Amino acid sequence: MNLRFGQNNMPHCIIEYSASLETDIDIAQLVEAVHKGAIDSALFDAAAVKSRCIPVSHSKVGMLADGRFIHITFKIMPGRSTEQKQLLSNSVYRQIVILNQSIDSLTMEVLELDKRHYFKWTNE
């Protein structure tokens, strides 16, 4: 058992998406593309990248009743520059750009965690 507080190996890539996209986009491929983009940014140890999807049943984008969106949140430890955060978003975007024709909105944000309050347990 391995307990760690505030480790720098990250990110958590959390992909929220309109459930209606499941008819047009291979969601497993979306997760793989985001995961690969985070690894390709070369900002993190590949083994530390974690990616997951959360479908959203009901949403609106602007005036669209069922706006089809993808929103990606990257949760990382502090210490990376604005340029590195932009590199992460750009690297992921290059992997998922082909999906753009199926969606109404694509957004990404990079959030820094407070490492004093981050807990990680692994079974290594």
N, C-alpha and C. Protein backbone atom coordinates (compact mmCIF):
# COMPACT_ATOMS: atom_id res chain seq x y z
N MET A 1 0.85 -1.17 0.00
CA MET A 1 0.00 0.00 0.00
C MET A 1 0.90 1.23 0.00
N ASN A 2 0.49 2.22 -0.76
CA ASN A 2 1.30 3.42 -0.91
C ASN A 2 0.41 4.65 -0.75
N LEU A 3 0.58 5.40 0.32
CA LEU A 3 -0.16 6.64 0.55
C LEU A 3 0.71 7.81 0.14
N ARG A 4 0.11 8.75 -0.60
CA ARG A 4 0.85 9.93 -1.01
C ARG A 4 -0.04 11.16 -0.89
N PHE A 5 0.54 12.23 -0.47
CA PHE A 5 -0.17 13.49 -0.42
C PHE A 5 0.54 14.48 -1.33
N GLY A 6 -0.22 15.12 -2.23
CA GLY A 6 0.33 16.20 -3.04
C GLY A 6 1.39 15.79 -4.03
N GLN A 7 1.25 14.67 -4.68
CA GLN A 7 2.23 14.26 -5.68
C GLN A 7 2.06 15.08 -6.96
N ASN A 8 3.14 15.27 -7.71
CA ASN A 8 3.10 16.06 -8.94
C ASN A 8 2.67 15.26 -10.17
N ASN A 9 2.61 13.97 -10.08
CA ASN A 9 2.22 13.18 -11.25
C ASN A 9 0.73 13.31 -11.48
N MET A 10 0.38 13.84 -12.58
CA MET A 10 -1.00 14.13 -12.94
C MET A 10 -1.09 14.09 -14.45
N PRO A 11 -2.10 14.41 -15.10
CA PRO A 11 -3.32 15.06 -14.66
C PRO A 11 -4.47 14.06 -14.52
N HIS A 12 -5.57 14.58 -14.00
CA HIS A 12 -6.86 13.90 -14.12
C HIS A 12 -7.54 14.60 -15.30
N CYS A 13 -7.89 13.85 -16.31
CA CYS A 13 -8.60 14.38 -17.48
C CYS A 13 -10.05 13.94 -17.36
N ILE A 14 -10.93 14.88 -17.11
CA ILE A 14 -12.34 14.56 -16.91
C ILE A 14 -13.11 15.11 -18.09
N ILE A 15 -13.72 14.20 -18.84
CA ILE A 15 -14.42 14.56 -20.07
C ILE A 15 -15.92 14.47 -19.82
N GLU A 16 -16.58 15.61 -19.85
CA GLU A 16 -18.04 15.63 -19.80
C GLU A 16 -18.52 15.80 -21.24
N TYR A 17 -19.58 15.08 -21.58
CA TYR A 17 -20.07 15.15 -22.96
C TYR A 17 -21.57 14.91 -23.00
N SER A 18 -22.21 15.45 -24.03
CA SER A 18 -23.63 15.21 -24.24
C SER A 18 -23.84 13.75 -24.58
N ALA A 19 -24.71 13.10 -23.84
CA ALA A 19 -24.97 11.67 -24.07
C ALA A 19 -25.45 11.43 -25.50
N SER A 20 -26.09 12.42 -26.11
CA SER A 20 -26.56 12.26 -27.49
C SER A 20 -25.41 12.09 -28.48
N LEU A 21 -24.19 12.42 -28.10
CA LEU A 21 -23.03 12.23 -28.97
C LEU A 21 -22.69 10.76 -29.16
N GLU A 22 -23.17 9.90 -28.27
CA GLU A 22 -22.82 8.49 -28.34
C GLU A 22 -23.26 7.81 -29.64
N THR A 23 -24.20 8.42 -30.35
CA THR A 23 -24.63 7.86 -31.63
C THR A 23 -23.68 8.24 -32.76
N ASP A 24 -22.86 9.29 -32.56
CA ASP A 24 -21.98 9.78 -33.62
C ASP A 24 -20.49 9.65 -33.32
N ILE A 25 -20.14 9.53 -32.05
CA ILE A 25 -18.74 9.50 -31.65
C ILE A 25 -18.48 8.22 -30.86
N ASP A 26 -17.38 7.57 -31.16
CA ASP A 26 -16.94 6.44 -30.36
C ASP A 26 -16.33 7.00 -29.09
N ILE A 27 -17.03 6.86 -27.97
CA ILE A 27 -16.61 7.47 -26.71
C ILE A 27 -15.29 6.88 -26.23
N ALA A 28 -15.07 5.61 -26.44
CA ALA A 28 -13.78 5.01 -26.07
C ALA A 28 -12.65 5.67 -26.86
N GLN A 29 -12.91 5.99 -28.12
CA GLN A 29 -11.92 6.67 -28.95
C GLN A 29 -11.68 8.10 -28.43
N LEU A 30 -12.73 8.75 -27.96
CA LEU A 30 -12.60 10.09 -27.38
C LEU A 30 -11.69 10.04 -26.15
N VAL A 31 -11.93 9.07 -25.27
CA VAL A 31 -11.09 8.93 -24.08
C VAL A 31 -9.64 8.68 -24.49
N GLU A 32 -9.45 7.80 -25.45
CA GLU A 32 -8.09 7.48 -25.92
C GLU A 32 -7.41 8.72 -26.50
N ALA A 33 -8.14 9.52 -27.26
CA ALA A 33 -7.57 10.72 -27.88
C ALA A 33 -7.16 11.74 -26.82
N VAL A 34 -8.01 11.95 -25.83
CA VAL A 34 -7.67 12.90 -24.75
C VAL A 34 -6.47 12.38 -23.97
N HIS A 35 -6.48 11.11 -23.66
CA HIS A 35 -5.38 10.49 -22.91
C HIS A 35 -4.06 10.63 -23.67
N LYS A 36 -4.11 10.33 -24.97
CA LYS A 36 -2.91 10.44 -25.81
C LYS A 36 -2.43 11.89 -25.88
N GLY A 37 -3.36 12.81 -26.02
CA GLY A 37 -2.98 14.23 -26.08
C GLY A 37 -2.28 14.69 -24.81
N ALA A 38 -2.77 14.23 -23.66
CA ALA A 38 -2.13 14.59 -22.39
C ALA A 38 -0.72 14.00 -22.32
N ILE A 39 -0.58 12.76 -22.76
CA ILE A 39 0.74 12.12 -22.76
C ILE A 39 1.66 12.82 -23.76
N ASP A 40 1.15 13.11 -24.94
CA ASP A 40 1.96 13.76 -25.98
C ASP A 40 2.44 15.16 -25.57
N SER A 41 1.78 15.77 -24.62
CA SER A 41 2.23 17.10 -24.16
C SER A 41 3.59 17.01 -23.49
N ALA A 42 3.99 15.81 -23.07
CA ALA A 42 5.27 15.55 -22.41
C ALA A 42 5.41 16.31 -21.08
N LEU A 43 4.29 16.69 -20.48
CA LEU A 43 4.30 17.39 -19.20
C LEU A 43 4.16 16.43 -18.01
N PHE A 44 3.81 15.17 -18.29
CA PHE A 44 3.48 14.22 -17.24
C PHE A 44 4.09 12.86 -17.53
N ASP A 45 4.29 12.08 -16.48
CA ASP A 45 4.64 10.67 -16.67
C ASP A 45 3.44 9.97 -17.28
N ALA A 46 3.64 9.23 -18.36
CA ALA A 46 2.53 8.56 -19.03
C ALA A 46 1.73 7.68 -18.08
N ALA A 47 2.40 7.01 -17.17
CA ALA A 47 1.72 6.10 -16.25
C ALA A 47 0.84 6.84 -15.24
N ALA A 48 1.02 8.15 -15.12
CA ALA A 48 0.26 8.92 -14.13
C ALA A 48 -0.97 9.61 -14.71
N VAL A 49 -1.15 9.57 -16.02
CA VAL A 49 -2.28 10.23 -16.65
C VAL A 49 -3.54 9.38 -16.43
N LYS A 50 -4.60 10.03 -15.98
CA LYS A 50 -5.87 9.37 -15.72
C LYS A 50 -6.96 10.08 -16.51
N SER A 51 -7.72 9.33 -17.29
CA SER A 51 -8.76 9.94 -18.12
C SER A 51 -10.07 9.19 -17.91
N ARG A 52 -11.16 9.96 -17.88
CA ARG A 52 -12.47 9.34 -17.70
C ARG A 52 -13.55 10.23 -18.31
N CYS A 53 -14.68 9.61 -18.64
CA CYS A 53 -15.80 10.31 -19.27
C CYS A 53 -17.03 10.27 -18.38
N ILE A 54 -17.78 11.34 -18.46
CA ILE A 54 -19.05 11.44 -17.75
C ILE A 54 -20.11 11.92 -18.74
N PRO A 55 -21.08 11.07 -19.09
CA PRO A 55 -22.14 11.52 -19.99
C PRO A 55 -23.13 12.43 -19.26
N VAL A 56 -23.64 13.42 -19.99
CA VAL A 56 -24.64 14.34 -19.46
C VAL A 56 -25.91 14.14 -20.26
N SER A 57 -26.97 13.75 -19.56
CA SER A 57 -28.24 13.42 -20.24
C SER A 57 -28.97 14.64 -20.79
N HIS A 58 -28.94 15.74 -20.07
CA HIS A 58 -29.68 16.93 -20.47
C HIS A 58 -28.74 18.13 -20.42
N SER A 59 -28.75 18.90 -21.50
CA SER A 59 -27.87 20.07 -21.54
C SER A 59 -28.42 21.09 -22.52
N LYS A 60 -27.91 22.29 -22.40
CA LYS A 60 -28.20 23.35 -23.37
C LYS A 60 -26.88 24.00 -23.72
N VAL A 61 -26.73 24.36 -24.96
CA VAL A 61 -25.58 25.13 -25.42
C VAL A 61 -26.17 26.32 -26.17
N GLY A 62 -26.01 27.50 -25.60
CA GLY A 62 -26.63 28.68 -26.20
C GLY A 62 -28.13 28.50 -26.25
N MET A 63 -28.70 28.61 -27.43
CA MET A 63 -30.14 28.46 -27.61
C MET A 63 -30.52 27.05 -28.07
N LEU A 64 -29.55 26.15 -28.16
CA LEU A 64 -29.83 24.78 -28.60
C LEU A 64 -30.38 23.97 -27.44
N ALA A 65 -31.55 23.38 -27.62
CA ALA A 65 -32.21 22.63 -26.54
C ALA A 65 -31.37 21.46 -26.07
N ASP A 66 -30.76 20.75 -27.00
CA ASP A 66 -29.92 19.62 -26.64
C ASP A 66 -28.55 19.83 -27.28
N GLY A 67 -27.89 20.91 -26.85
CA GLY A 67 -26.59 21.22 -27.42
C GLY A 67 -25.60 20.09 -27.21
N ARG A 68 -24.92 19.73 -28.26
CA ARG A 68 -23.96 18.61 -28.22
C ARG A 68 -22.59 19.19 -27.91
N PHE A 69 -22.09 18.86 -26.74
CA PHE A 69 -20.85 19.48 -26.28
C PHE A 69 -19.87 18.44 -25.75
N ILE A 70 -18.62 18.86 -25.71
CA ILE A 70 -17.57 18.16 -24.97
C ILE A 70 -16.87 19.23 -24.14
N HIS A 71 -16.74 18.97 -22.85
CA HIS A 71 -15.98 19.86 -21.97
C HIS A 71 -14.95 19.00 -21.24
N ILE A 72 -13.70 19.41 -21.34
CA ILE A 72 -12.61 18.65 -20.73
C ILE A 72 -11.98 19.50 -19.63
N THR A 73 -11.93 18.93 -18.44
CA THR A 73 -11.27 19.57 -17.31
C THR A 73 -10.01 18.80 -17.01
N PHE A 74 -8.90 19.50 -16.93
CA PHE A 74 -7.63 18.90 -16.54
C PHE A 74 -7.34 19.38 -15.12
N LYS A 75 -7.22 18.46 -14.19
CA LYS A 75 -6.86 18.81 -12.82
C LYS A 75 -5.40 18.43 -12.63
N ILE A 76 -4.59 19.46 -12.34
CA ILE A 76 -3.15 19.25 -12.22
C ILE A 76 -2.64 19.87 -10.93
N MET A 77 -1.44 19.47 -10.54
CA MET A 77 -0.79 20.09 -9.39
C MET A 77 -0.21 21.44 -9.84
N PRO A 78 -0.08 22.37 -8.91
CA PRO A 78 0.47 23.69 -9.26
C PRO A 78 1.93 23.60 -9.68
N GLY A 79 2.35 24.65 -10.36
CA GLY A 79 3.75 24.76 -10.71
C GLY A 79 4.02 24.82 -12.20
N ARG A 80 3.01 24.61 -13.00
CA ARG A 80 3.22 24.66 -14.44
C ARG A 80 2.87 26.06 -14.94
N SER A 81 3.60 26.50 -15.94
CA SER A 81 3.42 27.85 -16.48
C SER A 81 2.16 27.92 -17.34
N THR A 82 1.77 29.16 -17.65
CA THR A 82 0.65 29.38 -18.55
C THR A 82 0.92 28.73 -19.90
N GLU A 83 2.15 28.83 -20.37
CA GLU A 83 2.52 28.22 -21.66
C GLU A 83 2.37 26.70 -21.61
N GLN A 84 2.76 26.08 -20.50
CA GLN A 84 2.63 24.62 -20.37
C GLN A 84 1.16 24.21 -20.32
N LYS A 85 0.34 24.99 -19.67
CA LYS A 85 -1.10 24.70 -19.62
C LYS A 85 -1.71 24.82 -21.02
N GLN A 86 -1.28 25.83 -21.77
CA GLN A 86 -1.76 25.98 -23.15
C GLN A 86 -1.27 24.83 -24.01
N LEU A 87 -0.04 24.38 -23.78
CA LEU A 87 0.50 23.23 -24.50
C LEU A 87 -0.36 22.00 -24.27
N LEU A 88 -0.78 21.78 -23.03
CA LEU A 88 -1.64 20.64 -22.73
C LEU A 88 -2.94 20.73 -23.51
N SER A 89 -3.61 21.86 -23.46
CA SER A 89 -4.88 22.02 -24.20
C SER A 89 -4.68 21.85 -25.70
N ASN A 90 -3.62 22.45 -26.23
CA ASN A 90 -3.35 22.34 -27.67
C ASN A 90 -3.03 20.91 -28.08
N SER A 91 -2.29 20.20 -27.25
CA SER A 91 -1.93 18.82 -27.55
C SER A 91 -3.17 17.93 -27.59
N VAL A 92 -4.07 18.14 -26.65
CA VAL A 92 -5.33 17.37 -26.63
C VAL A 92 -6.20 17.77 -27.81
N TYR A 93 -6.29 19.06 -28.09
CA TYR A 93 -7.10 19.52 -29.21
C TYR A 93 -6.66 18.87 -30.53
N ARG A 94 -5.36 18.77 -30.74
CA ARG A 94 -4.86 18.15 -31.97
C ARG A 94 -5.35 16.70 -32.10
N GLN A 95 -5.55 16.03 -31.00
CA GLN A 95 -6.02 14.64 -31.04
C GLN A 95 -7.52 14.53 -31.28
N ILE A 96 -8.29 15.53 -30.85
CA ILE A 96 -9.75 15.41 -30.95
C ILE A 96 -10.37 16.32 -32.00
N VAL A 97 -9.57 17.06 -32.73
CA VAL A 97 -10.09 18.03 -33.70
C VAL A 97 -11.01 17.36 -34.72
N ILE A 98 -10.76 16.12 -35.06
CA ILE A 98 -11.59 15.43 -36.05
C ILE A 98 -13.02 15.26 -35.57
N LEU A 99 -13.25 15.31 -34.26
CA LEU A 99 -14.59 15.14 -33.71
C LEU A 99 -15.44 16.40 -33.83
N ASN A 100 -14.83 17.53 -34.17
CA ASN A 100 -15.53 18.82 -34.15
C ASN A 100 -16.79 18.88 -34.99
N GLN A 101 -16.85 18.12 -36.08
CA GLN A 101 -18.04 18.22 -36.92
C GLN A 101 -19.28 17.64 -36.27
N SER A 102 -19.12 16.88 -35.19
CA SER A 102 -20.26 16.26 -34.52
C SER A 102 -20.75 17.05 -33.31
N ILE A 103 -20.07 18.13 -32.96
CA ILE A 103 -20.42 18.84 -31.73
C ILE A 103 -20.72 20.31 -31.98
N ASP A 104 -21.46 20.88 -31.06
CA ASP A 104 -21.78 22.31 -31.12
C ASP A 104 -20.80 23.14 -30.32
N SER A 105 -20.16 22.53 -29.31
CA SER A 105 -19.27 23.29 -28.43
C SER A 105 -18.19 22.36 -27.87
N LEU A 106 -16.96 22.84 -27.92
CA LEU A 106 -15.83 22.14 -27.30
C LEU A 106 -15.13 23.15 -26.40
N THR A 107 -15.01 22.82 -25.12
CA THR A 107 -14.32 23.69 -24.18
C THR A 107 -13.35 22.86 -23.35
N MET A 108 -12.29 23.51 -22.91
CA MET A 108 -11.29 22.88 -22.05
C MET A 108 -10.86 23.88 -21.00
N GLU A 109 -10.54 23.37 -19.82
CA GLU A 109 -9.98 24.22 -18.76
C GLU A 109 -8.94 23.43 -17.99
N VAL A 110 -7.94 24.14 -17.52
CA VAL A 110 -6.88 23.54 -16.70
C VAL A 110 -7.01 24.14 -15.30
N LEU A 111 -7.25 23.28 -14.33
CA LEU A 111 -7.41 23.71 -12.94
C LEU A 111 -6.27 23.18 -12.09
N GLU A 112 -5.77 24.01 -11.22
CA GLU A 112 -4.72 23.57 -10.30
C GLU A 112 -5.35 23.11 -8.99
N LEU A 113 -4.93 21.95 -8.54
CA LEU A 113 -5.37 21.42 -7.26
C LEU A 113 -4.55 22.04 -6.13
N ASP A 114 -5.10 22.07 -4.97
CA ASP A 114 -4.34 22.47 -3.78
C ASP A 114 -3.70 21.20 -3.24
N LYS A 115 -2.41 21.05 -3.44
CA LYS A 115 -1.76 19.79 -3.09
C LYS A 115 -1.78 19.49 -1.60
N ARG A 116 -2.03 20.50 -0.78
CA ARG A 116 -2.17 20.24 0.65
C ARG A 116 -3.41 19.40 0.95
N HIS A 117 -4.37 19.43 0.02
CA HIS A 117 -5.64 18.74 0.24
C HIS A 117 -5.86 17.60 -0.76
N TYR A 118 -4.85 17.26 -1.50
CA TYR A 118 -4.94 16.16 -2.46
C TYR A 118 -4.44 14.88 -1.80
N PHE A 119 -5.21 13.84 -1.92
CA PHE A 119 -4.88 12.54 -1.33
C PHE A 119 -4.84 11.50 -2.44
N LYS A 120 -3.87 10.62 -2.38
CA LYS A 120 -3.78 9.53 -3.36
C LYS A 120 -3.35 8.26 -2.64
N TRP A 121 -4.05 7.19 -2.92
CA TRP A 121 -3.70 5.88 -2.41
C TRP A 121 -3.53 4.97 -3.60
N THR A 122 -2.47 4.19 -3.63
CA THR A 122 -2.29 3.22 -4.71
C THR A 122 -1.96 1.87 -4.09
N ASN A 123 -2.26 0.86 -4.81
CA ASN A 123 -2.01 -0.51 -4.38
C ASN A 123 -0.78 -1.04 -5.10
N GLU A 124 0.32 -0.32 -4.99
CA GLU A 124 1.57 -0.70 -5.67
C GLU A 124 2.42 -1.55 -4.78
